[in-house]
């Protein structure tokens, strides 16, 4: 679970980065999908 939390924090940081920098839609979708996977995995553990 600790590793998943670290990944979640990393992807949240990527989301902030994506908000304020010009990135492609592909990159944005990648961050979204990875974040969704981590959130789903954490939700199943609760």
PDB file of N, CA and C in Angstrom:
ATOM      1  N   UNK A   1       0.831  -1.190   0.000  1.00  0.00           N
ATOM      2  CA  UNK A   1       0.000   0.000   0.000  1.00  0.00           C
ATOM      3  C   UNK A   1       0.874   1.251   0.000  1.00  0.00           C
ATOM      4  N   UNK A   2       2.005   1.201   0.698  1.00  0.00           N
ATOM      5  CA  UNK A   2       2.894   2.368   0.749  1.00  0.00           C
ATOM      6  C   UNK A   2       3.397   2.728  -0.651  1.00  0.00           C
ATOM      7  N   UNK A   3       3.720   1.703  -1.429  1.00  0.00           N
ATOM      8  CA  UNK A   3       4.199   1.935  -2.790  1.00  0.00           C
ATOM      9  C   UNK A   3       3.105   2.565  -3.647  1.00  0.00           C
ATOM     10  N   UNK A   4       1.867   2.102  -3.471  1.00  0.00           N
ATOM     11  CA  UNK A   4       0.756   2.673  -4.236  1.00  0.00           C
ATOM     12  C   UNK A   4       0.531   4.131  -3.858  1.00  0.00           C
ATOM     13  N   UNK A   5       0.684   4.450  -2.600  1.00  0.00           N
ATOM     14  CA  UNK A   5       0.548   5.849  -2.181  1.00  0.00           C
ATOM     15  C   UNK A   5       1.644   6.711  -2.795  1.00  0.00           C
ATOM     16  N   UNK A   6       2.843   6.171  -2.880  1.00  0.00           N
ATOM     17  CA  UNK A   6       3.935   6.912  -3.506  1.00  0.00           C
ATOM     18  C   UNK A   6       3.630   7.157  -4.985  1.00  0.00           C
ATOM     19  N   UNK A   7       3.104   6.123  -5.667  1.00  0.00           N
ATOM     20  CA  UNK A   7       2.729   6.292  -7.075  1.00  0.00           C
ATOM     21  C   UNK A   7       1.612   7.314  -7.219  1.00  0.00           C
ATOM     22  N   UNK A   8       0.637   7.274  -6.311  1.00  0.00           N
ATOM     23  CA  UNK A   8      -0.462   8.238  -6.366  1.00  0.00           C
ATOM     24  C   UNK A   8       0.068   9.657  -6.221  1.00  0.00           C
ATOM     25  N   UNK A   9       0.956   9.868  -5.259  1.00  0.00           N
ATOM     26  CA  UNK A   9       1.527  11.208  -5.076  1.00  0.00           C
ATOM     27  C   UNK A   9       2.320  11.639  -6.308  1.00  0.00           C
ATOM     28  N   UNK A  10       3.030  10.700  -6.904  1.00  0.00           N
ATOM     29  CA  UNK A  10       3.791  11.016  -8.113  1.00  0.00           C
ATOM     30  C   UNK A  10       2.851  11.428  -9.250  1.00  0.00           C
ATOM     31  N   UNK A  11       1.753  10.686  -9.412  1.00  0.00           N
ATOM     32  CA  UNK A  11       0.822  11.016 -10.493  1.00  0.00           C
ATOM     33  C   UNK A  11       0.035  12.281 -10.209  1.00  0.00           C
ATOM     34  N   UNK A  12      -0.246  12.558  -8.948  1.00  0.00           N
ATOM     35  CA  UNK A  12      -0.883  13.835  -8.619  1.00  0.00           C
ATOM     36  C   UNK A  12       0.052  14.993  -8.953  1.00  0.00           C
ATOM     37  N   UNK A  13       1.324  14.794  -8.715  1.00  0.00           N
ATOM     38  CA  UNK A  13       2.316  15.798  -9.083  1.00  0.00           C
ATOM     39  C   UNK A  13       2.329  15.982 -10.605  1.00  0.00           C
ATOM     40  N   UNK A  14       2.243  14.865 -11.330  1.00  0.00           N
ATOM     41  CA  UNK A  14       2.172  14.936 -12.794  1.00  0.00           C
ATOM     42  C   UNK A  14       0.926  15.677 -13.253  1.00  0.00           C
ATOM     43  N   UNK A  15      -0.174  15.484 -12.534  1.00  0.00           N
ATOM     44  CA  UNK A  15      -1.410  16.195 -12.886  1.00  0.00           C
ATOM     45  C   UNK A  15      -1.238  17.699 -12.730  1.00  0.00           C
ATOM     46  N   UNK A  16      -0.609  18.109 -11.649  1.00  0.00           N
ATOM     47  CA  UNK A  16      -0.331  19.541 -11.463  1.00  0.00           C
ATOM     48  C   UNK A  16       0.564  20.059 -12.575  1.00  0.00           C
ATOM     49  N   UNK A  17       1.576  19.280 -12.925  1.00  0.00           N
ATOM     50  CA  UNK A  17       2.476  19.653 -14.006  1.00  0.00           C
ATOM     51  C   UNK A  17       1.695  19.807 -15.311  1.00  0.00           C
ATOM     52  N   UNK A  18       0.798  18.865 -15.567  1.00  0.00           N
ATOM     53  CA  UNK A  18       0.004  18.891 -16.799  1.00  0.00           C
ATOM     54  C   UNK A  18      -0.933  20.101 -16.849  1.00  0.00           C
ATOM     55  N   UNK A  19      -1.375  20.524 -15.698  1.00  0.00           N
ATOM     56  CA  UNK A  19      -2.286  21.676 -15.648  1.00  0.00           C
ATOM     57  C   UNK A  19      -1.625  22.963 -16.123  1.00  0.00           C
ATOM     58  N   UNK A  20      -0.357  23.111 -15.813  1.00  0.00           N
ATOM     59  CA  UNK A  20       0.302  24.397 -16.033  1.00  0.00           C
ATOM     60  C   UNK A  20       1.337  24.398 -17.151  1.00  0.00           C
ATOM     61  N   UNK A  21       1.449  23.315 -17.883  1.00  0.00           N
ATOM     62  CA  UNK A  21       2.397  23.262 -18.989  1.00  0.00           C
ATOM     63  C   UNK A  21       1.694  22.738 -20.236  1.00  0.00           C
ATOM     64  N   UNK A  22       2.175  23.127 -21.379  1.00  0.00           N
ATOM     65  CA  UNK A  22       1.559  22.622 -22.612  1.00  0.00           C
ATOM     66  C   UNK A  22       2.014  21.186 -22.881  1.00  0.00           C
ATOM     67  N   UNK A  23       1.109  20.233 -22.682  1.00  0.00           N
ATOM     68  CA  UNK A  23       1.414  18.840 -22.979  1.00  0.00           C
ATOM     69  C   UNK A  23       0.405  18.331 -23.987  1.00  0.00           C
ATOM     70  N   UNK A  24       0.714  17.216 -24.577  1.00  0.00           N
ATOM     71  CA  UNK A  24      -0.190  16.656 -25.566  1.00  0.00           C
ATOM     72  C   UNK A  24      -1.344  15.934 -24.884  1.00  0.00           C
ATOM     73  N   UNK A  25      -2.383  15.709 -25.648  1.00  0.00           N
ATOM     74  CA  UNK A  25      -3.546  14.992 -25.124  1.00  0.00           C
ATOM     75  C   UNK A  25      -3.178  13.552 -24.760  1.00  0.00           C
ATOM     76  N   UNK A  26      -2.262  12.969 -25.517  1.00  0.00           N
ATOM     77  CA  UNK A  26      -1.813  11.602 -25.237  1.00  0.00           C
ATOM     78  C   UNK A  26      -1.153  11.542 -23.862  1.00  0.00           C
ATOM     79  N   UNK A  27      -0.298  12.511 -23.573  1.00  0.00           N
ATOM     80  CA  UNK A  27       0.376  12.546 -22.271  1.00  0.00           C
ATOM     81  C   UNK A  27      -0.645  12.739 -21.150  1.00  0.00           C
ATOM     82  N   UNK A  28      -1.619  13.594 -21.374  1.00  0.00           N
ATOM     83  CA  UNK A  28      -2.640  13.864 -20.374  1.00  0.00           C
ATOM     84  C   UNK A  28      -3.473  12.606 -20.113  1.00  0.00           C
ATOM     85  N   UNK A  29      -3.834  11.900 -21.174  1.00  0.00           N
ATOM     86  CA  UNK A  29      -4.605  10.667 -21.011  1.00  0.00           C
ATOM     87  C   UNK A  29      -3.800   9.601 -20.284  1.00  0.00           C
ATOM     88  N   UNK A  30      -2.510   9.540 -20.534  1.00  0.00           N
ATOM     89  CA  UNK A  30      -1.638   8.576 -19.859  1.00  0.00           C
ATOM     90  C   UNK A  30      -1.623   8.833 -18.353  1.00  0.00           C
ATOM     91  N   UNK A  31      -1.465  10.083 -17.967  1.00  0.00           N
ATOM     92  CA  UNK A  31      -1.469  10.447 -16.551  1.00  0.00           C
ATOM     93  C   UNK A  31      -2.824  10.107 -15.935  1.00  0.00           C
ATOM     94  N   UNK A  32      -3.890  10.392 -16.651  1.00  0.00           N
ATOM     95  CA  UNK A  32      -5.240  10.106 -16.153  1.00  0.00           C
ATOM     96  C   UNK A  32      -5.435   8.608 -15.931  1.00  0.00           C
ATOM     97  N   UNK A  33      -5.071   7.799 -16.905  1.00  0.00           N
ATOM     98  CA  UNK A  33      -5.259   6.347 -16.808  1.00  0.00           C
ATOM     99  C   UNK A  33      -4.437   5.749 -15.676  1.00  0.00           C
ATOM    100  N   UNK A  34      -3.201   6.172 -15.538  1.00  0.00           N
ATOM    101  CA  UNK A  34      -2.349   5.648 -14.461  1.00  0.00           C
ATOM    102  C   UNK A  34      -2.896   6.062 -13.098  1.00  0.00           C
ATOM    103  N   UNK A  35      -3.344   7.285 -12.984  1.00  0.00           N
ATOM    104  CA  UNK A  35      -3.920   7.755 -11.723  1.00  0.00           C
ATOM    105  C   UNK A  35      -5.186   6.984 -11.389  1.00  0.00           C
ATOM    106  N   UNK A  36      -6.003   6.733 -12.384  1.00  0.00           N
ATOM    107  CA  UNK A  36      -7.244   5.980 -12.184  1.00  0.00           C
ATOM    108  C   UNK A  36      -6.949   4.567 -11.687  1.00  0.00           C
ATOM    109  N   UNK A  37      -5.926   3.929 -12.254  1.00  0.00           N
ATOM    110  CA  UNK A  37      -5.547   2.580 -11.815  1.00  0.00           C
ATOM    111  C   UNK A  37      -5.113   2.574 -10.357  1.00  0.00           C
ATOM    112  N   UNK A  38      -4.305   3.537  -9.975  1.00  0.00           N
ATOM    113  CA  UNK A  38      -3.813   3.607  -8.599  1.00  0.00           C
ATOM    114  C   UNK A  38      -4.966   3.869  -7.632  1.00  0.00           C
ATOM    115  N   UNK A  39      -5.838   4.804  -7.966  1.00  0.00           N
ATOM    116  CA  UNK A  39      -6.975   5.120  -7.096  1.00  0.00           C
ATOM    117  C   UNK A  39      -7.892   3.905  -6.939  1.00  0.00           C
ATOM    118  N   UNK A  40      -8.123   3.182  -8.029  1.00  0.00           N
ATOM    119  CA  UNK A  40      -8.959   1.980  -7.977  1.00  0.00           C
ATOM    120  C   UNK A  40      -8.329   0.913  -7.090  1.00  0.00           C
ATOM    121  N   UNK A  41      -7.024   0.712  -7.221  1.00  0.00           N
ATOM    122  CA  UNK A  41      -6.329  -0.280  -6.393  1.00  0.00           C
ATOM    123  C   UNK A  41      -6.397   0.102  -4.909  1.00  0.00           C
ATOM    124  N   UNK A  42      -6.214   1.384  -4.609  1.00  0.00           N
ATOM    125  CA  UNK A  42      -6.295   1.829  -3.219  1.00  0.00           C
ATOM    126  C   UNK A  42      -7.711   1.669  -2.676  1.00  0.00           C
ATOM    127  N   UNK A  43      -8.702   1.966  -3.493  1.00  0.00           N
ATOM    128  CA  UNK A  43     -10.095   1.839  -3.081  1.00  0.00           C
ATOM    129  C   UNK A  43     -10.442   0.391  -2.742  1.00  0.00           C
ATOM    130  N   UNK A  44      -9.919  -0.554  -3.498  1.00  0.00           N
ATOM    131  CA  UNK A  44     -10.194  -1.973  -3.242  1.00  0.00           C
ATOM    132  C   UNK A  44      -9.570  -2.443  -1.932  1.00  0.00           C
ATOM    133  N   UNK A  45      -8.517  -1.783  -1.500  1.00  0.00           N
ATOM    134  CA  UNK A  45      -7.846  -2.175  -0.259  1.00  0.00           C
ATOM    135  C   UNK A  45      -8.548  -1.627   0.980  1.00  0.00           C
ATOM    136  N   UNK A  46      -9.396  -0.625   0.808  1.00  0.00           N
ATOM    137  CA  UNK A  46     -10.054  -0.012   1.962  1.00  0.00           C
ATOM    138  C   UNK A  46     -11.279  -0.766   2.393  1.00  0.00           C
TER     139      UNK A  46
END
